[in-house]
Amino acid sequence: MANTLDTPQRLLTPAEAAAVLSVKEKTLANWRSNGQGPDFIKFYEGGLVRYEAKALELWITTCRRTA
């Protein structure tokens, strides 16, 4: 089922996203400022940052490497 405004995607706070990725919240902030890490949403200039759960899943998949 596709996400619509009727069925919104779960948005995670930076603290929640950091917990999912097992990194510190500061690491996510550094990645954002360096243009690295998972895609994020910034609602206000200099303000509210959220991560879509699906974006985290996709980013984890793109980071996967084989030996």
Protein backbone atom coordinates (compact mmCIF):
# COMPACT_ATOMS: atom_id res chain seq x y z
CA MET A 1 0.00 0.00 0.00
CA ALA A 2 1.43 3.37 -0.99
CA ASN A 3 1.82 6.13 1.58
CA THR A 4 -0.64 8.98 1.26
CA LEU A 5 -1.70 11.80 3.51
CA ASP A 6 -4.35 9.39 4.82
CA THR A 7 -1.67 6.84 5.77
CA PRO A 8 1.40 8.86 6.73
CA GLN A 9 4.90 7.41 6.89
CA ARG A 10 6.28 7.03 10.40
CA LEU A 11 8.62 9.92 11.14
CA LEU A 12 11.44 9.38 13.60
CA THR A 13 13.20 11.96 15.72
CA PRO A 14 17.00 12.14 15.42
CA ALA A 15 17.25 10.32 18.76
CA GLU A 16 15.01 7.50 17.50
CA ALA A 17 16.88 7.27 14.20
CA ALA A 18 20.21 7.18 16.03
CA ALA A 19 18.93 4.29 18.16
CA VAL A 20 17.83 2.37 15.05
CA LEU A 21 21.28 2.85 13.50
CA SER A 22 23.18 2.26 16.78
CA VAL A 23 25.02 5.58 16.49
CA LYS A 24 25.03 8.73 18.61
CA GLU A 25 22.64 11.53 17.78
CA LYS A 26 25.68 13.78 17.22
CA THR A 27 26.89 11.36 14.51
CA LEU A 28 23.61 11.88 12.62
CA ALA A 29 24.02 15.66 12.97
CA ASN A 30 27.56 15.41 11.58
CA TRP A 31 26.37 13.27 8.68
CA ARG A 32 23.62 15.80 7.87
CA SER A 33 26.04 18.72 7.85
CA ASN A 34 28.50 16.76 5.65
CA GLY A 35 25.84 15.60 3.19
CA GLN A 36 26.23 11.98 4.30
CA GLY A 37 23.96 9.48 6.00
CA PRO A 38 20.28 8.75 5.43
CA ASP A 39 17.88 11.20 3.81
CA PHE A 40 16.08 13.43 6.26
CA ILE A 41 13.32 16.03 6.35
CA LYS A 42 13.91 19.53 7.69
CA PHE A 43 10.59 21.27 8.33
CA TYR A 44 11.87 24.69 9.33
CA GLU A 45 15.08 26.54 8.57
CA GLY A 46 17.43 25.60 11.39
CA GLY A 47 14.70 23.60 13.08
CA LEU A 48 12.76 20.38 13.16
CA VAL A 49 14.52 17.35 11.65
CA ARG A 50 12.82 14.00 11.11
CA TYR A 51 13.71 10.73 9.41
CA GLU A 52 11.32 8.48 7.52
CA ALA A 53 11.59 4.87 8.67
CA LYS A 54 11.67 3.74 5.02
CA ALA A 55 14.57 6.13 4.31
CA LEU A 56 16.58 4.50 7.09
CA GLU A 57 15.84 1.04 5.71
CA LEU A 58 16.90 2.11 2.22
CA TRP A 59 20.11 3.72 3.50
CA ILE A 60 21.01 0.60 5.48
CA THR A 61 20.50 -1.48 2.32
CA THR A 62 22.76 0.81 0.26
CA CYS A 63 25.50 0.52 2.89
CA ARG A 64 25.53 -3.27 2.78
CA ARG A 65 28.80 -4.74 1.53
CA THR A 66 29.86 -8.30 0.85
CA ALA A 67 33.23 -9.73 1.77
